[in-house]
Amino acid sequence: MKELIKKKVLSKNWTFNEISDLTNTIQNLSEEVWQEMTLLERIDLVRDVRINETLVGWDFEHAIREVVLTSLKGEIAEIIKNMLSNATINFGGNNNEISEGSMGGESHKERTTNAPKSRLSEE
């Protein structure tokens, strides 16, 4: 399961917002992993977990789901923490880069700086 989680984390290009909002990111990853797990994998994950009193009165299906998701969140948080401690950040490849022409280079040849404005820009 740890390899599945690592594969999911590494397969995605993360945005700053996703990394900075780890609570939602971990929740979403937990849901994805939950859906891919077999029943036996879910049971194995929580076999030794002690059930707390908040689950008293819950039906079995929802109690198992809650315990598995809680365990998954802990596992995913630990894996992401370890991966982030060794991560490097690459700010390259941004599609919003400023073109060279706007960085003090040569003027645009088709339009001079003193060209008259179009009628649409005056309105």
N, C-alpha and C. Protein backbone atom coordinates (compact mmCIF):
# COMPACT_ATOMS: atom_id res chain seq x y z
N MET A 1 0.82 -1.18 0.00
CA MET A 1 0.00 0.00 0.00
C MET A 1 0.87 1.26 0.00
N LYS A 2 1.99 1.23 0.71
CA LYS A 2 2.87 2.39 0.74
C LYS A 2 3.39 2.71 -0.66
N GLU A 3 3.66 1.67 -1.42
CA GLU A 3 4.14 1.89 -2.79
C GLU A 3 3.06 2.52 -3.65
N LEU A 4 1.81 2.10 -3.46
CA LEU A 4 0.68 2.68 -4.19
C LEU A 4 0.55 4.17 -3.85
N ILE A 5 0.69 4.50 -2.59
CA ILE A 5 0.59 5.90 -2.17
C ILE A 5 1.73 6.71 -2.77
N LYS A 6 2.95 6.19 -2.70
CA LYS A 6 4.10 6.90 -3.27
C LYS A 6 3.91 7.11 -4.77
N LYS A 7 3.42 6.08 -5.45
CA LYS A 7 3.19 6.17 -6.89
C LYS A 7 2.17 7.27 -7.20
N LYS A 8 1.10 7.34 -6.41
CA LYS A 8 0.08 8.37 -6.62
C LYS A 8 0.65 9.77 -6.39
N VAL A 9 1.46 9.91 -5.35
CA VAL A 9 2.05 11.22 -5.05
C VAL A 9 3.01 11.63 -6.16
N LEU A 10 3.85 10.71 -6.61
CA LEU A 10 4.85 11.03 -7.62
C LEU A 10 4.26 11.21 -9.02
N SER A 11 3.10 10.63 -9.28
CA SER A 11 2.53 10.69 -10.62
C SER A 11 1.85 12.02 -10.92
N LYS A 12 1.69 12.85 -9.93
CA LYS A 12 0.95 14.09 -10.10
C LYS A 12 1.88 15.29 -10.04
N ASN A 13 1.61 16.30 -10.85
CA ASN A 13 2.29 17.58 -10.74
C ASN A 13 1.48 18.44 -9.78
N TRP A 14 2.03 18.68 -8.60
CA TRP A 14 1.30 19.35 -7.53
C TRP A 14 1.38 20.85 -7.67
N THR A 15 0.29 21.52 -7.40
CA THR A 15 0.29 22.97 -7.35
C THR A 15 0.65 23.40 -5.94
N PHE A 16 1.02 24.65 -5.80
CA PHE A 16 1.35 25.16 -4.47
C PHE A 16 0.13 25.06 -3.56
N ASN A 17 -1.05 25.36 -4.08
CA ASN A 17 -2.26 25.30 -3.27
C ASN A 17 -2.53 23.90 -2.74
N GLU A 18 -2.28 22.89 -3.56
CA GLU A 18 -2.49 21.51 -3.13
C GLU A 18 -1.51 21.12 -2.02
N ILE A 19 -0.27 21.55 -2.15
CA ILE A 19 0.73 21.23 -1.14
C ILE A 19 0.48 22.03 0.13
N SER A 20 0.06 23.28 -0.01
CA SER A 20 -0.16 24.09 1.19
C SER A 20 -1.43 23.70 1.93
N ASP A 21 -2.37 23.05 1.25
CA ASP A 21 -3.60 22.59 1.91
C ASP A 21 -3.55 21.07 2.05
N LEU A 22 -2.63 20.62 2.88
CA LEU A 22 -2.40 19.19 3.01
C LEU A 22 -3.59 18.44 3.59
N THR A 23 -4.41 19.10 4.38
CA THR A 23 -5.57 18.41 4.95
C THR A 23 -6.48 17.89 3.84
N ASN A 24 -6.83 18.75 2.88
CA ASN A 24 -7.68 18.32 1.77
C ASN A 24 -6.96 17.38 0.83
N THR A 25 -5.67 17.61 0.62
CA THR A 25 -4.89 16.74 -0.26
C THR A 25 -4.84 15.33 0.32
N ILE A 26 -4.60 15.21 1.62
CA ILE A 26 -4.56 13.90 2.27
C ILE A 26 -5.93 13.25 2.22
N GLN A 27 -6.98 14.03 2.45
CA GLN A 27 -8.35 13.49 2.39
C GLN A 27 -8.64 12.93 1.00
N ASN A 28 -8.29 13.69 -0.05
CA ASN A 28 -8.54 13.23 -1.42
C ASN A 28 -7.74 11.98 -1.76
N LEU A 29 -6.47 11.95 -1.36
CA LEU A 29 -5.65 10.76 -1.61
C LEU A 29 -6.20 9.55 -0.84
N SER A 30 -6.67 9.77 0.37
CA SER A 30 -7.24 8.68 1.16
C SER A 30 -8.45 8.08 0.46
N GLU A 31 -9.30 8.93 -0.06
CA GLU A 31 -10.49 8.45 -0.79
C GLU A 31 -10.09 7.65 -2.03
N GLU A 32 -9.08 8.15 -2.76
CA GLU A 32 -8.62 7.44 -3.96
C GLU A 32 -8.07 6.06 -3.60
N VAL A 33 -7.23 6.00 -2.57
CA VAL A 33 -6.63 4.73 -2.17
C VAL A 33 -7.71 3.80 -1.64
N TRP A 34 -8.65 4.31 -0.86
CA TRP A 34 -9.77 3.51 -0.33
C TRP A 34 -10.48 2.79 -1.46
N GLN A 35 -10.77 3.51 -2.55
CA GLN A 35 -11.51 2.93 -3.66
C GLN A 35 -10.73 1.83 -4.37
N GLU A 36 -9.41 1.91 -4.33
CA GLU A 36 -8.58 0.92 -5.01
C GLU A 36 -8.26 -0.30 -4.13
N MET A 37 -8.52 -0.20 -2.84
CA MET A 37 -8.19 -1.29 -1.93
C MET A 37 -9.24 -2.39 -1.98
N THR A 38 -8.78 -3.61 -1.80
CA THR A 38 -9.71 -4.74 -1.67
C THR A 38 -10.18 -4.79 -0.22
N LEU A 39 -11.22 -5.57 0.02
CA LEU A 39 -11.75 -5.73 1.37
C LEU A 39 -10.68 -6.30 2.30
N LEU A 40 -9.93 -7.28 1.82
CA LEU A 40 -8.88 -7.88 2.65
C LEU A 40 -7.79 -6.87 3.00
N GLU A 41 -7.42 -6.02 2.06
CA GLU A 41 -6.42 -4.97 2.34
C GLU A 41 -6.94 -4.00 3.40
N ARG A 42 -8.21 -3.67 3.31
CA ARG A 42 -8.80 -2.76 4.30
C ARG A 42 -8.78 -3.40 5.69
N ILE A 43 -9.17 -4.67 5.77
CA ILE A 43 -9.19 -5.38 7.05
C ILE A 43 -7.78 -5.51 7.60
N ASP A 44 -6.81 -5.86 6.74
CA ASP A 44 -5.42 -5.98 7.19
C ASP A 44 -4.88 -4.66 7.74
N LEU A 45 -5.29 -3.57 7.14
CA LEU A 45 -4.81 -2.25 7.57
C LEU A 45 -5.26 -1.94 9.00
N VAL A 46 -6.47 -2.36 9.34
CA VAL A 46 -7.03 -1.98 10.65
C VAL A 46 -7.17 -3.15 11.61
N ARG A 47 -6.56 -4.25 11.29
CA ARG A 47 -6.70 -5.45 12.12
C ARG A 47 -6.33 -5.20 13.58
N ASP A 48 -5.28 -4.46 13.84
CA ASP A 48 -4.79 -4.24 15.20
C ASP A 48 -5.22 -2.89 15.79
N VAL A 49 -6.09 -2.18 15.12
CA VAL A 49 -6.53 -0.87 15.60
C VAL A 49 -7.59 -1.06 16.68
N ARG A 50 -7.43 -0.32 17.75
CA ARG A 50 -8.44 -0.36 18.82
C ARG A 50 -9.59 0.55 18.44
N ILE A 51 -10.80 0.07 18.58
CA ILE A 51 -12.00 0.84 18.25
C ILE A 51 -12.29 1.77 19.42
N ASN A 52 -12.53 3.05 19.12
CA ASN A 52 -12.82 3.99 20.21
C ASN A 52 -14.33 4.15 20.39
N GLU A 53 -14.69 4.83 21.45
CA GLU A 53 -16.11 4.94 21.83
C GLU A 53 -16.94 5.78 20.87
N THR A 54 -16.31 6.58 20.02
CA THR A 54 -17.10 7.39 19.09
C THR A 54 -17.80 6.54 18.03
N LEU A 55 -17.34 5.33 17.84
CA LEU A 55 -17.92 4.46 16.82
C LEU A 55 -19.02 3.55 17.37
N VAL A 56 -19.30 3.65 18.66
CA VAL A 56 -20.37 2.83 19.26
C VAL A 56 -21.70 3.23 18.62
N GLY A 57 -22.43 2.24 18.17
CA GLY A 57 -23.73 2.48 17.55
C GLY A 57 -23.67 2.63 16.04
N TRP A 58 -22.48 2.71 15.46
CA TRP A 58 -22.34 2.80 14.01
C TRP A 58 -22.55 1.42 13.41
N ASP A 59 -23.04 1.38 12.18
CA ASP A 59 -23.10 0.08 11.51
C ASP A 59 -21.69 -0.31 11.07
N PHE A 60 -21.49 -1.60 10.88
CA PHE A 60 -20.16 -2.14 10.62
C PHE A 60 -19.49 -1.49 9.40
N GLU A 61 -20.24 -1.33 8.32
CA GLU A 61 -19.67 -0.78 7.09
C GLU A 61 -19.10 0.62 7.32
N HIS A 62 -19.86 1.48 7.97
CA HIS A 62 -19.40 2.85 8.18
C HIS A 62 -18.26 2.92 9.21
N ALA A 63 -18.32 2.06 10.21
CA ALA A 63 -17.25 2.04 11.21
C ALA A 63 -15.93 1.59 10.57
N ILE A 64 -15.98 0.55 9.76
CA ILE A 64 -14.77 0.08 9.07
C ILE A 64 -14.23 1.17 8.14
N ARG A 65 -15.13 1.78 7.39
CA ARG A 65 -14.70 2.86 6.48
C ARG A 65 -14.00 3.98 7.26
N GLU A 66 -14.58 4.39 8.36
CA GLU A 66 -14.00 5.48 9.15
C GLU A 66 -12.63 5.10 9.71
N VAL A 67 -12.51 3.89 10.21
CA VAL A 67 -11.24 3.44 10.78
C VAL A 67 -10.18 3.30 9.69
N VAL A 68 -10.56 2.74 8.55
CA VAL A 68 -9.61 2.60 7.44
C VAL A 68 -9.16 3.97 6.93
N LEU A 69 -10.11 4.89 6.73
CA LEU A 69 -9.75 6.22 6.24
C LEU A 69 -8.85 6.96 7.24
N THR A 70 -9.13 6.80 8.52
CA THR A 70 -8.28 7.42 9.54
C THR A 70 -6.86 6.85 9.48
N SER A 71 -6.76 5.55 9.34
CA SER A 71 -5.44 4.91 9.22
C SER A 71 -4.74 5.34 7.94
N LEU A 72 -5.49 5.41 6.85
CA LEU A 72 -4.90 5.84 5.57
C LEU A 72 -4.39 7.27 5.65
N LYS A 73 -5.15 8.14 6.28
CA LYS A 73 -4.73 9.54 6.41
C LYS A 73 -3.40 9.63 7.16
N GLY A 74 -3.26 8.83 8.21
CA GLY A 74 -2.00 8.82 8.95
C GLY A 74 -0.84 8.32 8.10
N GLU A 75 -1.08 7.25 7.37
CA GLU A 75 -0.03 6.69 6.49
C GLU A 75 0.35 7.70 5.40
N ILE A 76 -0.66 8.29 4.77
CA ILE A 76 -0.41 9.23 3.68
C ILE A 76 0.31 10.47 4.20
N ALA A 77 -0.10 10.98 5.35
CA ALA A 77 0.56 12.15 5.93
C ALA A 77 2.03 11.86 6.21
N GLU A 78 2.32 10.70 6.74
CA GLU A 78 3.71 10.33 7.02
C GLU A 78 4.53 10.20 5.74
N ILE A 79 3.96 9.58 4.73
CA ILE A 79 4.66 9.41 3.45
C ILE A 79 4.92 10.76 2.80
N ILE A 80 3.90 11.62 2.77
CA ILE A 80 4.08 12.95 2.16
C ILE A 80 5.11 13.76 2.94
N LYS A 81 5.08 13.68 4.26
CA LYS A 81 6.06 14.40 5.08
C LYS A 81 7.47 13.95 4.73
N ASN A 82 7.68 12.65 4.64
CA ASN A 82 9.00 12.12 4.29
C ASN A 82 9.42 12.53 2.89
N MET A 83 8.47 12.49 1.96
CA MET A 83 8.80 12.86 0.58
C MET A 83 9.10 14.35 0.46
N LEU A 84 8.35 15.18 1.18
CA LEU A 84 8.59 16.63 1.13
C LEU A 84 9.91 17.02 1.78
N SER A 85 10.35 16.25 2.76
CA SER A 85 11.61 16.59 3.41
C SER A 85 12.79 16.45 2.45
N ASN A 86 12.63 15.67 1.40
CA ASN A 86 13.69 15.48 0.40
C ASN A 86 13.35 16.12 -0.95
N ALA A 87 12.26 16.86 -1.02
CA ALA A 87 11.80 17.41 -2.29
C ALA A 87 12.59 18.63 -2.72
N THR A 88 12.66 18.82 -4.02
CA THR A 88 13.20 20.05 -4.59
C THR A 88 12.08 20.73 -5.36
N ILE A 89 12.16 22.03 -5.43
CA ILE A 89 11.12 22.79 -6.10
C ILE A 89 11.68 23.36 -7.39
N ASN A 90 10.93 23.18 -8.47
CA ASN A 90 11.34 23.68 -9.77
C ASN A 90 10.29 24.68 -10.24
N PHE A 91 10.67 25.95 -10.31
CA PHE A 91 9.73 26.97 -10.74
C PHE A 91 9.72 27.12 -12.25
N GLY A 92 10.49 26.35 -12.97
CA GLY A 92 10.55 26.42 -14.42
C GLY A 92 9.32 25.81 -15.05
N GLY A 93 9.17 26.05 -16.35
CA GLY A 93 8.07 25.46 -17.09
C GLY A 93 6.76 26.14 -16.88
N ASN A 94 6.76 27.33 -16.34
CA ASN A 94 5.53 28.07 -16.09
C ASN A 94 4.99 28.61 -17.40
N ASN A 95 3.73 28.34 -17.71
CA ASN A 95 3.12 28.83 -18.95
C ASN A 95 2.83 30.31 -18.90
N ASN A 96 2.94 30.93 -17.75
CA ASN A 96 2.66 32.35 -17.59
C ASN A 96 3.93 33.20 -17.65
N GLU A 97 4.96 32.68 -18.29
CA GLU A 97 6.21 33.40 -18.37
C GLU A 97 6.05 34.67 -19.18
N ILE A 98 6.86 35.66 -18.87
CA ILE A 98 6.83 36.94 -19.58
C ILE A 98 7.73 36.81 -20.79
N SER A 99 7.24 37.28 -21.93
CA SER A 99 8.02 37.15 -23.16
C SER A 99 9.23 38.07 -23.13
N GLU A 100 10.24 37.71 -23.92
CA GLU A 100 11.46 38.51 -23.96
C GLU A 100 11.19 39.92 -24.46
N GLY A 101 10.26 40.09 -25.39
CA GLY A 101 9.96 41.40 -25.94
C GLY A 101 9.46 42.38 -24.90
N SER A 102 8.84 41.90 -23.85
CA SER A 102 8.32 42.79 -22.83
C SER A 102 9.33 43.04 -21.72
N MET A 103 10.52 42.51 -21.85
CA MET A 103 11.53 42.66 -20.81
C MET A 103 12.60 43.67 -21.21
N GLY A 104 12.22 44.70 -21.95
CA GLY A 104 13.18 45.73 -22.32
C GLY A 104 13.96 45.41 -23.58
N GLY A 105 13.50 44.44 -24.33
CA GLY A 105 14.16 44.09 -25.58
C GLY A 105 13.77 45.05 -26.69
N GLU A 106 13.86 44.60 -27.90
CA GLU A 106 13.52 45.45 -29.04
C GLU A 106 12.02 45.72 -29.07
N SER A 107 11.66 46.87 -29.63
CA SER A 107 10.26 47.23 -29.76
C SER A 107 9.60 46.35 -30.79
N HIS A 108 8.31 46.20 -30.65
CA HIS A 108 7.53 45.43 -31.60
C HIS A 108 7.58 46.13 -32.94
N LYS A 109 7.89 45.40 -34.01
CA LYS A 109 8.10 46.02 -35.32
C LYS A 109 6.80 46.39 -36.00
N GLU A 110 5.72 45.69 -35.73
CA GLU A 110 4.47 45.97 -36.41
C GLU A 110 3.75 47.18 -35.84
N ARG A 111 4.03 47.55 -34.62
CA ARG A 111 3.35 48.68 -33.99
C ARG A 111 4.35 49.49 -33.20
N THR A 112 4.41 50.76 -33.45
CA THR A 112 5.34 51.62 -32.72
C THR A 112 4.66 52.11 -31.45
N THR A 113 5.43 52.71 -30.58
CA THR A 113 4.89 53.15 -29.30
C THR A 113 3.97 54.36 -29.44
N ASN A 114 4.12 55.12 -30.54
CA ASN A 114 3.27 56.29 -30.73
C ASN A 114 2.17 56.05 -31.78
N ALA A 115 1.83 54.80 -32.02
CA ALA A 115 0.79 54.46 -32.99
C ALA A 115 -0.57 54.91 -32.44
N PRO A 116 -1.48 55.35 -33.31
CA PRO A 116 -2.79 55.78 -32.82
C PRO A 116 -3.57 54.59 -32.27
N LYS A 117 -4.40 54.86 -31.26
CA LYS A 117 -5.21 53.81 -30.63
C LYS A 117 -6.37 53.45 -31.53
N SER A 118 -6.84 52.23 -31.41
CA SER A 118 -8.00 51.82 -32.19
C SER A 118 -9.24 52.43 -31.56
N ARG A 119 -10.32 52.52 -32.31
CA ARG A 119 -11.55 53.10 -31.80
C ARG A 119 -12.13 52.25 -30.67
N LEU A 120 -11.90 50.93 -30.70
CA LEU A 120 -12.44 50.04 -29.66
C LEU A 120 -11.79 50.31 -28.30
N SER A 121 -10.51 50.68 -28.28
CA SER A 121 -9.86 50.90 -26.99
C SER A 121 -10.23 52.24 -26.40
N GLU A 122 -10.77 53.16 -27.20
CA GLU A 122 -11.16 54.47 -26.71
C GLU A 122 -12.50 54.40 -25.96
N GLU A 123 -13.33 53.40 -26.26
CA GLU A 123 -14.66 53.32 -25.65
C GLU A 123 -14.65 52.78 -24.28
